[in-house]
Amino acid sequence: MFKTIHIFGHGECQSISETDNKIISIDECPSAQLVADMIYSHKPSDLVMSNDFWVITIFNESDARFQSLDGNFNVEYSLLDVSLINQLNEEINK
C-alpha cells in the first residue's frame, strides 16, 4: 500500500510506501496522464491555470495536490478514481 505517489512534470513517477521508495520514468506508466487528467478535471472553475504540472502528489486516503507554475489546488481523495490510482501504483512498482 502506498503512502504517497508523485507524478513529476519532468518525466518521472514515484511511489513511497512504508518499506519502499521507487522512481521510474513516466514512459513506463501509461496511466500517469490519465491520473493527471482526472485530478485536473477537479480544478476549481474560478482558478485560471494550465494543465501543465510541476508535480502532482497523491496522499493515500487523504487528498491529491496539483501544482503548476501558475497555480495549485487540492482534491479530496473520496472524489478520485481509486482504481486508476491503484493501477498507477502497480505500474510504478512492477
Protein backbone atom coordinates (compact mmCIF):
# COMPACT_ATOMS: atom_id res chain seq x y z
CA MET A 1 0.00 0.00 0.00
CA PHE A 2 1.41 3.36 -0.96
CA LYS A 3 1.61 6.37 1.33
CA THR A 4 2.44 8.90 -1.37
CA ILE A 5 2.58 8.95 -5.16
CA HIS A 6 4.24 11.74 -7.12
CA ILE A 7 3.89 12.40 -10.84
CA PHE A 8 6.65 14.82 -11.76
CA GLY A 9 6.31 17.10 -14.77
CA HIS A 10 9.95 16.46 -15.65
CA GLY A 11 9.06 12.86 -16.54
CA GLU A 12 9.17 10.60 -13.50
CA CYS A 13 6.69 8.80 -11.26
CA GLN A 14 7.42 7.90 -7.64
CA SER A 15 5.66 5.64 -5.16
CA ILE A 16 6.54 5.76 -1.47
CA SER A 17 5.38 3.11 1.00
CA GLU A 18 6.37 2.03 4.50
CA THR A 19 9.06 -0.22 3.04
CA ASP A 20 9.91 1.09 -0.44
CA ASN A 21 10.62 4.22 -2.43
CA LYS A 22 10.61 3.65 -6.17
CA ILE A 23 11.06 6.16 -9.01
CA ILE A 24 10.65 5.25 -12.68
CA SER A 25 10.27 7.06 -16.00
CA ILE A 26 6.78 8.35 -16.76
CA ASP A 27 7.12 6.47 -20.08
CA GLU A 28 6.72 3.25 -18.07
CA CYS A 29 3.45 4.50 -16.51
CA PRO A 30 0.70 4.52 -19.15
CA SER A 31 -1.91 5.58 -16.59
CA ALA A 32 0.06 8.61 -15.31
CA GLN A 33 -1.53 11.01 -17.80
CA LEU A 34 -4.98 9.55 -17.09
CA VAL A 35 -4.48 10.20 -13.37
CA ALA A 36 -3.19 13.71 -14.06
CA ASP A 37 -6.21 14.45 -16.27
CA MET A 38 -8.61 13.03 -13.66
CA ILE A 39 -7.16 15.26 -10.94
CA TYR A 40 -7.07 18.32 -13.22
CA SER A 41 -10.76 17.76 -14.05
CA HIS A 42 -11.48 18.75 -10.41
CA LYS A 43 -9.82 22.16 -10.80
CA PRO A 44 -11.99 24.88 -9.30
CA SER A 45 -13.76 26.71 -12.12
CA ASP A 46 -12.61 30.11 -10.90
CA LEU A 47 -8.93 29.08 -10.98
CA VAL A 48 -7.20 30.06 -14.21
CA MET A 49 -4.24 27.80 -14.88
CA SER A 50 -2.93 25.39 -17.47
CA ASN A 51 -2.82 21.63 -17.08
CA ASP A 52 0.99 21.65 -17.34
CA PHE A 53 2.02 20.47 -13.91
CA TRP A 54 5.22 20.72 -11.92
CA VAL A 55 4.19 17.90 -9.59
CA ILE A 56 1.05 16.02 -8.67
CA THR A 57 1.09 14.48 -5.21
CA ILE A 58 -1.42 11.87 -4.07
CA PHE A 59 -1.63 11.11 -0.35
CA ASN A 60 -3.36 7.76 0.21
CA GLU A 61 -6.86 8.21 1.60
CA SER A 62 -6.30 11.95 2.13
CA ASP A 63 -6.10 14.13 -0.97
CA ALA A 64 -4.34 14.92 -4.23
CA ARG A 65 -2.46 18.14 -4.92
CA PHE A 66 -1.98 19.54 -8.40
CA GLN A 67 0.87 22.06 -8.53
CA SER A 68 1.91 24.06 -11.56
CA LEU A 69 3.91 27.23 -12.05
CA ASP A 70 0.72 29.25 -12.39
CA GLY A 71 -1.41 27.80 -9.58
CA ASN A 72 -2.30 24.82 -7.44
CA PHE A 73 -5.31 23.13 -5.89
CA ASN A 74 -6.26 20.13 -3.75
CA VAL A 75 -8.86 17.42 -4.38
CA GLU A 76 -10.38 15.21 -1.69
CA TYR A 77 -9.40 11.56 -2.08
CA SER A 78 -13.06 10.47 -1.99
CA LEU A 79 -13.65 12.32 -5.29
CA LEU A 80 -10.92 10.42 -7.13
CA ASP A 81 -10.99 7.16 -9.11
CA VAL A 82 -9.09 4.98 -6.64
CA SER A 83 -8.86 2.06 -9.08
CA LEU A 84 -6.97 4.28 -11.54
CA ILE A 85 -4.63 5.48 -8.79
CA ASN A 86 -4.01 1.86 -7.74
CA GLN A 87 -3.27 0.99 -11.38
CA LEU A 88 -0.63 3.74 -11.49
CA ASN A 89 0.89 2.46 -8.24
CA GLU A 90 1.08 -1.06 -9.70
CA GLU A 91 2.80 0.26 -12.84
CA ILE A 92 5.40 2.04 -10.74
CA ASN A 93 6.04 -1.00 -8.54
CA LYS A 94 6.07 -3.78 -11.15
